[in-house]
C-alpha atoms as a PDB file:
ATOM      1  CA  MET A   1     -12.268  10.222  12.815  1.00  0.00           C
ATOM      2  CA  SER A   2      -9.794  11.078  10.560  1.00  0.00           C
ATOM      3  CA  SER A   3      -8.481   8.979   7.230  1.00  0.00           C
ATOM      4  CA  ALA A   4      -6.134   6.395   7.942  1.00  0.00           C
ATOM      5  CA  THR A   5      -4.650   7.380   4.572  1.00  0.00           C
ATOM      6  CA  ASP A   6      -3.160  10.407   5.494  1.00  0.00           C
ATOM      7  CA  GLY A   7      -4.711  12.416   2.178  1.00  0.00           C
ATOM      8  CA  ASN A   8      -4.277   9.307  -0.272  1.00  0.00           C
ATOM      9  CA  GLU A   9      -7.585   8.128  -0.041  1.00  0.00           C
ATOM     10  CA  SER A  10      -8.848  11.833  -1.649  1.00  0.00           C
ATOM     11  CA  ALA A  11      -6.709  11.516  -4.623  1.00  0.00           C
ATOM     12  CA  LEU A  12      -7.874   7.990  -5.313  1.00  0.00           C
ATOM     13  CA  TRP A  13     -11.573   8.878  -4.815  1.00  0.00           C
ATOM     14  CA  ALA A  14     -11.265  11.905  -7.452  1.00  0.00           C
ATOM     15  CA  ARG A  15      -9.259   9.167 -10.172  1.00  0.00           C
ATOM     16  CA  ALA A  16     -12.101   7.080  -9.065  1.00  0.00           C
ATOM     17  CA  CYS A  17     -14.942   9.981 -10.157  1.00  0.00           C
ATOM     18  CA  SER A  18     -13.030  10.314 -13.239  1.00  0.00           C
ATOM     19  CA  GLY A  19     -13.773   6.392 -14.540  1.00  0.00           C
ATOM     20  CA  ASP A  20     -10.255   4.880 -12.921  1.00  0.00           C
ATOM     21  CA  GLY A  21     -11.760   1.298 -12.408  1.00  0.00           C
ATOM     22  CA  GLU A  22      -8.573   0.582 -10.412  1.00  0.00           C
ATOM     23  CA  ALA A  23      -8.892   3.872  -8.074  1.00  0.00           C
ATOM     24  CA  LEU A  24     -11.809   1.931  -7.167  1.00  0.00           C
ATOM     25  CA  GLY A  25     -10.892  -1.130  -6.657  1.00  0.00           C
ATOM     26  CA  ALA A  26      -8.431   0.610  -4.000  1.00  0.00           C
ATOM     27  CA  ILE A  27     -11.244   2.191  -2.700  1.00  0.00           C
ATOM     28  CA  PHE A  28     -13.090  -1.485  -2.149  1.00  0.00           C
ATOM     29  CA  ASP A  29     -10.094  -2.322  -0.491  1.00  0.00           C
ATOM     30  CA  LEU A  30      -9.637   0.402   2.183  1.00  0.00           C
ATOM     31  CA  HIS A  31     -13.061   0.012   3.583  1.00  0.00           C
ATOM     32  CA  GLN A  32     -14.453  -3.580   2.575  1.00  0.00           C
ATOM     33  CA  ARG A  33     -13.602  -5.101   5.543  1.00  0.00           C
ATOM     34  CA  ARG A  34     -14.992  -2.117   7.534  1.00  0.00           C
ATOM     35  CA  VAL A  35     -18.569  -1.724   5.451  1.00  0.00           C
ATOM     36  CA  TYR A  36     -18.574  -6.030   5.756  1.00  0.00           C
ATOM     37  CA  ARG A  37     -18.430  -5.897   9.469  1.00  0.00           C
ATOM     38  CA  HIS A  38     -21.247  -2.835   9.925  1.00  0.00           C
ATOM     39  CA  ALA A  39     -23.579  -5.042   7.479  1.00  0.00           C
ATOM     40  CA  LEU A  40     -22.774  -7.993   9.817  1.00  0.00           C
ATOM     41  CA  TRP A  41     -23.876  -6.285  12.646  1.00  0.00           C
ATOM     42  CA  VAL A  42     -27.144  -5.266  11.214  1.00  0.00           C
ATOM     43  CA  LEU A  43     -28.025  -8.198   9.477  1.00  0.00           C
ATOM     44  CA  GLY A  44     -26.451 -11.184  11.550  1.00  0.00           C
ATOM     45  CA  ASN A  45     -26.047 -13.710   8.536  1.00  0.00           C
ATOM     46  CA  VAL A  46     -22.156 -13.867   6.318  1.00  0.00           C
ATOM     47  CA  HIS A  47     -24.438 -14.245   2.909  1.00  0.00           C
ATOM     48  CA  ASP A  48     -26.879 -11.119   3.322  1.00  0.00           C
ATOM     49  CA  ALA A  49     -23.509  -9.543   4.809  1.00  0.00           C
ATOM     50  CA  GLU A  50     -21.838 -10.148   1.387  1.00  0.00           C
ATOM     51  CA  ASP A  51     -25.054  -9.359  -0.329  1.00  0.00           C
ATOM     52  CA  ALA A  52     -25.109  -5.770   1.503  1.00  0.00           C
ATOM     53  CA  THR A  53     -21.490  -5.191   0.866  1.00  0.00           C
ATOM     54  CA  ALA A  54     -21.662  -5.500  -2.533  1.00  0.00           C
ATOM     55  CA  THR A  55     -24.445  -3.586  -2.803  1.00  0.00           C
ATOM     56  CA  THR A  56     -23.060  -0.503  -0.799  1.00  0.00           C
ATOM     57  CA  PHE A  57     -20.056  -0.458  -3.323  1.00  0.00           C
ATOM     58  CA  LEU A  58     -22.071  -0.269  -6.460  1.00  0.00           C
ATOM     59  CA  GLU A  59     -23.954   2.316  -5.003  1.00  0.00           C
ATOM     60  CA  LEU A  60     -20.381   3.983  -4.616  1.00  0.00           C
ATOM     61  CA  TRP A  61     -19.378   3.834  -7.965  1.00  0.00           C
ATOM     62  CA  ARG A  62     -23.433   4.619  -9.169  1.00  0.00           C
ATOM     63  CA  LYS A  63     -23.432   7.829  -7.137  1.00  0.00           C
ATOM     64  CA  ARG A  64     -20.103   8.876  -7.292  1.00  0.00           C
ATOM     65  CA  ARG A  65     -20.485  11.872  -8.825  1.00  0.00           C
ATOM     66  CA  ASP A  66     -22.839  13.204  -5.508  1.00  0.00           C
ATOM     67  CA  VAL A  67     -21.027  11.375  -2.390  1.00  0.00           C
ATOM     68  CA  ARG A  68     -19.982  13.062   0.336  1.00  0.00           C
ATOM     69  CA  GLU A  69     -16.202  13.096   1.538  1.00  0.00           C
ATOM     70  CA  VAL A  70     -15.912  13.704   5.171  1.00  0.00           C
ATOM     71  CA  ASP A  71     -12.349  14.511   6.377  1.00  0.00           C
ATOM     72  CA  GLY A  72     -10.868  12.817   3.260  1.00  0.00           C
ATOM     73  CA  THR A  73     -12.831  10.040   3.320  1.00  0.00           C
ATOM     74  CA  VAL A  74     -15.510   8.231   1.844  1.00  0.00           C
ATOM     75  CA  LEU A  75     -16.162   5.638   4.778  1.00  0.00           C
ATOM     76  CA  PRO A  76     -18.694   7.379   6.549  1.00  0.00           C
ATOM     77  CA  TRP A  77     -20.951   7.887   2.938  1.00  0.00           C
ATOM     78  CA  LEU A  78     -20.605   4.053   2.609  1.00  0.00           C
ATOM     79  CA  LEU A  79     -21.665   3.249   6.352  1.00  0.00           C
ATOM     80  CA  VAL A  80     -24.602   5.103   6.298  1.00  0.00           C
ATOM     81  CA  THR A  81     -25.155   3.677   2.530  1.00  0.00           C
ATOM     82  CA  THR A  82     -24.975  -0.083   4.152  1.00  0.00           C
ATOM     83  CA  ALA A  83     -26.991   0.916   6.850  1.00  0.00           C
ATOM     84  CA  ASN A  84     -30.191   1.973   4.374  1.00  0.00           C
ATOM     85  CA  VAL A  85     -29.089  -1.455   1.991  1.00  0.00           C
ATOM     86  CA  CYS A  86     -29.377  -3.559   5.002  1.00  0.00           C
ATOM     87  CA  ARG A  87     -32.723  -2.143   6.362  1.00  0.00           C
ATOM     88  CA  ASN A  88     -34.150  -1.823   3.023  1.00  0.00           C
ATOM     89  CA  ALA A  89     -33.412  -5.814   2.173  1.00  0.00           C
ATOM     90  CA  ARG A  90     -35.495  -6.589   5.803  1.00  0.00           C
ATOM     91  CA  ARG A  91     -38.521  -4.747   4.531  1.00  0.00           C
ATOM     92  CA  THR A  92     -38.439  -7.074   1.607  1.00  0.00           C
ATOM     93  CA  GLN A  93     -38.067 -10.060   3.905  1.00  0.00           C
ATOM     94  CA  ARG A  94     -40.747  -8.804   6.268  1.00  0.00           C
ATOM     95  CA  ARG A  95     -42.576  -8.136   2.700  1.00  0.00           C
ATOM     96  CA  TYR A  96     -42.268 -11.516   1.781  1.00  0.00           C
ATOM     97  CA  ARG A  97     -42.680 -13.426   5.023  1.00  0.00           C
ATOM     98  CA  THR A  98     -46.079 -11.727   4.659  1.00  0.00           C
ATOM     99  CA  LEU A  99     -47.129 -12.769   1.571  1.00  0.00           C
ATOM    100  CA  LEU A 100     -46.009 -16.303   2.318  1.00  0.00           C
ATOM    101  CA  SER A 101     -48.190 -16.296   5.668  1.00  0.00           C
ATOM    102  CA  ALA A 102     -51.143 -15.150   3.457  1.00  0.00           C
ATOM    103  CA  LEU A 103     -50.657 -18.312   1.158  1.00  0.00           C
ATOM    104  CA  PRO A 104     -53.069 -21.689   2.195  1.00  0.00           C
ATOM    105  CA  ARG A 105     -51.064 -24.124   3.174  1.00  0.00           C
ATOM    106  CA  SER A 106     -51.164 -27.646   4.899  1.00  0.00           C
ATOM    107  CA  GLU A 107     -50.181 -27.966   8.365  1.00  0.00           C
ATOM    108  CA  THR A 108     -47.287 -29.647   7.866  1.00  0.00           C
ATOM    109  CA  ALA A 109     -43.604 -28.309   8.321  1.00  0.00           C
ATOM    110  CA  ALA A 110     -42.516 -24.621   6.968  1.00  0.00           C
ATOM    111  CA  SER A 111     -40.749 -24.852   3.857  1.00  0.00           C
ATOM    112  CA  ALA A 112     -37.517 -23.987   2.775  1.00  0.00           C
ATOM    113  CA  GLU A 113     -38.345 -20.160   1.818  1.00  0.00           C
ATOM    114  CA  GLU A 114     -40.088 -19.600   5.164  1.00  0.00           C
ATOM    115  CA  GLU A 115     -37.078 -20.817   6.662  1.00  0.00           C
ATOM    116  CA  ALA A 116     -35.071 -18.780   4.569  1.00  0.00           C
ATOM    117  CA  VAL A 117     -37.168 -15.448   5.486  1.00  0.00           C
ATOM    118  CA  SER A 118     -37.820 -16.084   8.940  1.00  0.00           C
ATOM    119  CA  ARG A 119     -34.501 -14.502  10.488  1.00  0.00           C
ATOM    120  CA  ALA A 120     -34.736 -12.011  12.437  1.00  0.00           C
ATOM    121  CA  ASP A 121     -35.712  -8.280  12.653  1.00  0.00           C
ATOM    122  CA  LEU A 122     -32.658  -5.663  11.953  1.00  0.00           C
ATOM    123  CA  PHE A 123     -32.882  -5.138  15.675  1.00  0.00           C
ATOM    124  CA  GLU A 124     -33.089  -8.627  16.938  1.00  0.00           C
ATOM    125  CA  GLY A 125     -31.970  -9.029  20.623  1.00  0.00           C
ATOM    126  CA  ILE A 126     -32.758  -5.690  22.098  1.00  0.00           C
ATOM    127  CA  ASP A 127     -36.103  -4.535  23.466  1.00  0.00           C
ATOM    128  CA  PRO A 128     -39.306  -4.593  20.831  1.00  0.00           C
ATOM    129  CA  ALA A 129     -40.038  -0.888  22.031  1.00  0.00           C
ATOM    130  CA  LEU A 130     -36.571   0.355  21.037  1.00  0.00           C
ATOM    131  CA  ALA A 131     -36.417  -2.070  18.242  1.00  0.00           C
ATOM    132  CA  GLU A 132     -39.865  -0.549  17.056  1.00  0.00           C
ATOM    133  CA  GLN A 133     -38.939   3.162  17.502  1.00  0.00           C
ATOM    134  CA  LEU A 134     -35.146   2.313  15.442  1.00  0.00           C
ATOM    135  CA  ARG A 135     -37.347   0.590  12.551  1.00  0.00           C
ATOM    136  CA  GLY A 136     -39.369   4.006  12.590  1.00  0.00           C
ATOM    137  CA  LEU A 137     -36.344   6.392  12.053  1.00  0.00           C
ATOM    138  CA  PRO A 138     -36.155   8.047   8.716  1.00  0.00           C
ATOM    139  CA  ARG A 139     -33.302   7.348   6.737  1.00  0.00           C
ATOM    140  CA  GLY A 140     -31.075  10.114   7.390  1.00  0.00           C
ATOM    141  CA  THR A 141     -31.581  10.278  11.316  1.00  0.00           C
ATOM    142  CA  LEU A 142     -31.132   6.669  10.975  1.00  0.00           C
ATOM    143  CA  GLY A 143     -28.111   7.140   9.368  1.00  0.00           C
ATOM    144  CA  LEU A 144     -26.588   9.976  11.589  1.00  0.00           C
ATOM    145  CA  PHE A 145     -27.496   7.524  15.036  1.00  0.00           C
ATOM    146  CA  MET A 146     -25.500   4.758  12.856  1.00  0.00           C
ATOM    147  CA  LEU A 147     -22.579   6.850  12.629  1.00  0.00           C
ATOM    148  CA  THR A 148     -22.317   8.532  16.184  1.00  0.00           C
ATOM    149  CA  ALA A 149     -23.763   5.303  18.117  1.00  0.00           C
ATOM    150  CA  VAL A 150     -22.620   2.515  16.615  1.00  0.00           C
ATOM    151  CA  GLU A 151     -19.381   3.809  14.445  1.00  0.00           C
ATOM    152  CA  GLY A 152     -18.122   6.265  16.611  1.00  0.00           C
ATOM    153  CA  TYR A 153     -18.084   9.673  14.649  1.00  0.00           C
ATOM    154  CA  SER A 154     -18.770  12.506  16.183  1.00  0.00           C
ATOM    155  CA  VAL A 155     -22.345  14.347  15.215  1.00  0.00           C
ATOM    156  CA  ALA A 156     -20.614  17.173  12.865  1.00  0.00           C
ATOM    157  CA  GLU A 157     -18.879  14.577  10.879  1.00  0.00           C
ATOM    158  CA  ALA A 158     -21.869  12.448  10.284  1.00  0.00           C
ATOM    159  CA  ALA A 159     -23.638  15.463   9.532  1.00  0.00           C
ATOM    160  CA  ARG A 160     -21.299  16.237   6.555  1.00  0.00           C
ATOM    161  CA  ALA A 161     -21.929  12.285   5.611  1.00  0.00           C
ATOM    162  CA  VAL A 162     -25.476  12.544   5.300  1.00  0.00           C
ATOM    163  CA  GLY A 163     -25.636  15.768   4.019  1.00  0.00           C
ATOM    164  CA  VAL A 164     -27.193  18.303   6.933  1.00  0.00           C
ATOM    165  CA  SER A 165     -26.101  20.860   8.858  1.00  0.00           C
ATOM    166  CA  HIS A 166     -24.771  20.547  12.589  1.00  0.00           C
ATOM    167  CA  GLY A 167     -27.763  21.979  13.994  1.00  0.00           C
ATOM    168  CA  ALA A 168     -30.022  19.929  12.300  1.00  0.00           C
ATOM    169  CA  ALA A 169     -28.344  16.798  12.943  1.00  0.00           C
ATOM    170  CA  LYS A 170     -28.541  17.342  16.369  1.00  0.00           C
ATOM    171  CA  THR A 171     -31.942  17.994  16.554  1.00  0.00           C
ATOM    172  CA  ARG A 172     -32.371  15.340  14.819  1.00  0.00           C
ATOM    173  CA  LEU A 173     -30.601  13.063  17.200  1.00  0.00           C
ATOM    174  CA  SER A 174     -31.824  14.527  20.152  1.00  0.00           C
ATOM    175  CA  ARG A 175     -35.616  13.722  18.854  1.00  0.00           C
ATOM    176  CA  ALA A 176     -34.346  10.352  18.044  1.00  0.00           C
ATOM    177  CA  ARG A 177     -32.983   9.697  21.611  1.00  0.00           C
ATOM    178  CA  ALA A 178     -36.265  11.005  23.401  1.00  0.00           C
ATOM    179  CA  GLY A 179     -38.403   8.645  21.197  1.00  0.00           C
ATOM    180  CA  LEU A 180     -35.816   6.051  22.154  1.00  0.00           C
ATOM    181  CA  ARG A 181     -35.994   7.601  25.882  1.00  0.00           C
ATOM    182  CA  ASN A 182     -39.453   6.964  25.555  1.00  0.00           C
ATOM    183  CA  ALA A 183     -39.726   3.273  24.175  1.00  0.00           C
ATOM    184  CA  ARG A 184     -37.056   2.220  26.914  1.00  0.00           C
ATOM    185  CA  ASP A 185     -39.748   3.498  29.750  1.00  0.00           C
ATOM    186  CA  GLY A 186     -42.255   1.850  28.391  1.00  0.00           C
ATOM    187  CA  HIS A 187     -44.168   4.095  25.813  1.00  0.00           C
ATOM    188  CA  HIS A 188     -45.371   3.515  22.695  1.00  0.00           C
ATOM    189  CA  PHE A 189     -43.438   6.245  20.249  1.00  0.00           C
ATOM    190  CA  ALA A 190     -44.034   6.841  16.741  1.00  0.00           C
ATOM    191  CA  GLY A 191     -41.407   7.050  14.476  1.00  0.00           C
ATOM    192  CA  GLN A 192     -40.396  10.965  13.991  1.00  0.00           C
ATOM    193  CA  THR A 193     -40.519  12.805  11.030  1.00  0.00           C
ATOM    194  CA  GLU A 194     -37.657  14.440   9.466  1.00  0.00           C
ATOM    195  CA  GLY A 195     -36.872  18.043   9.014  1.00  0.00           C
ATOM    196  CA  GLY A 196     -34.171  19.599   7.465  1.00  0.00           C
ATOM    197  CA  GLY A 197     -32.203  18.933   4.848  1.00  0.00           C
ATOM    198  CA  SER A 198     -32.473  15.328   2.679  1.00  0.00           C
END
């Protein structure tokens, strides 16, 4: 996917990297809706998606010296980061649910806190075995999967966004797809370990 800004985004990003807050605001305006839509697709909740979007752009600013552009845009980096932010949010919610379930309580209606964290997991609505396999993917592999399978980027573009070679990306995606096929076919498949770059 090429940038819709015809090279203007690279100039904006160069200014943002030098500390120009207005340039970062322009980057936010360019990509906020796409990042929010991605977070909403993953989390299924408007409030959580808004929080994830804000966190993603905060990470963009905080890590701006290390962000990789792909074809003149930071959007792939933003989408990978969004997926990781959403997964971390769900992990926190699961830990909270586990803690709440261990607390002694009467047999009354669930508390507001329990209801607030009882929302579905990251991959609600798909086969449980597939969901388990997706949750087990390493961070980089999940980013590659989200960019290629959900957002329509090529393997080469996704590889550049995640910071691995094209060959390593193909290998990771091949392993992930094999695991998903096994899960789909009813086989219990543990999460892959991740090889290659970070």
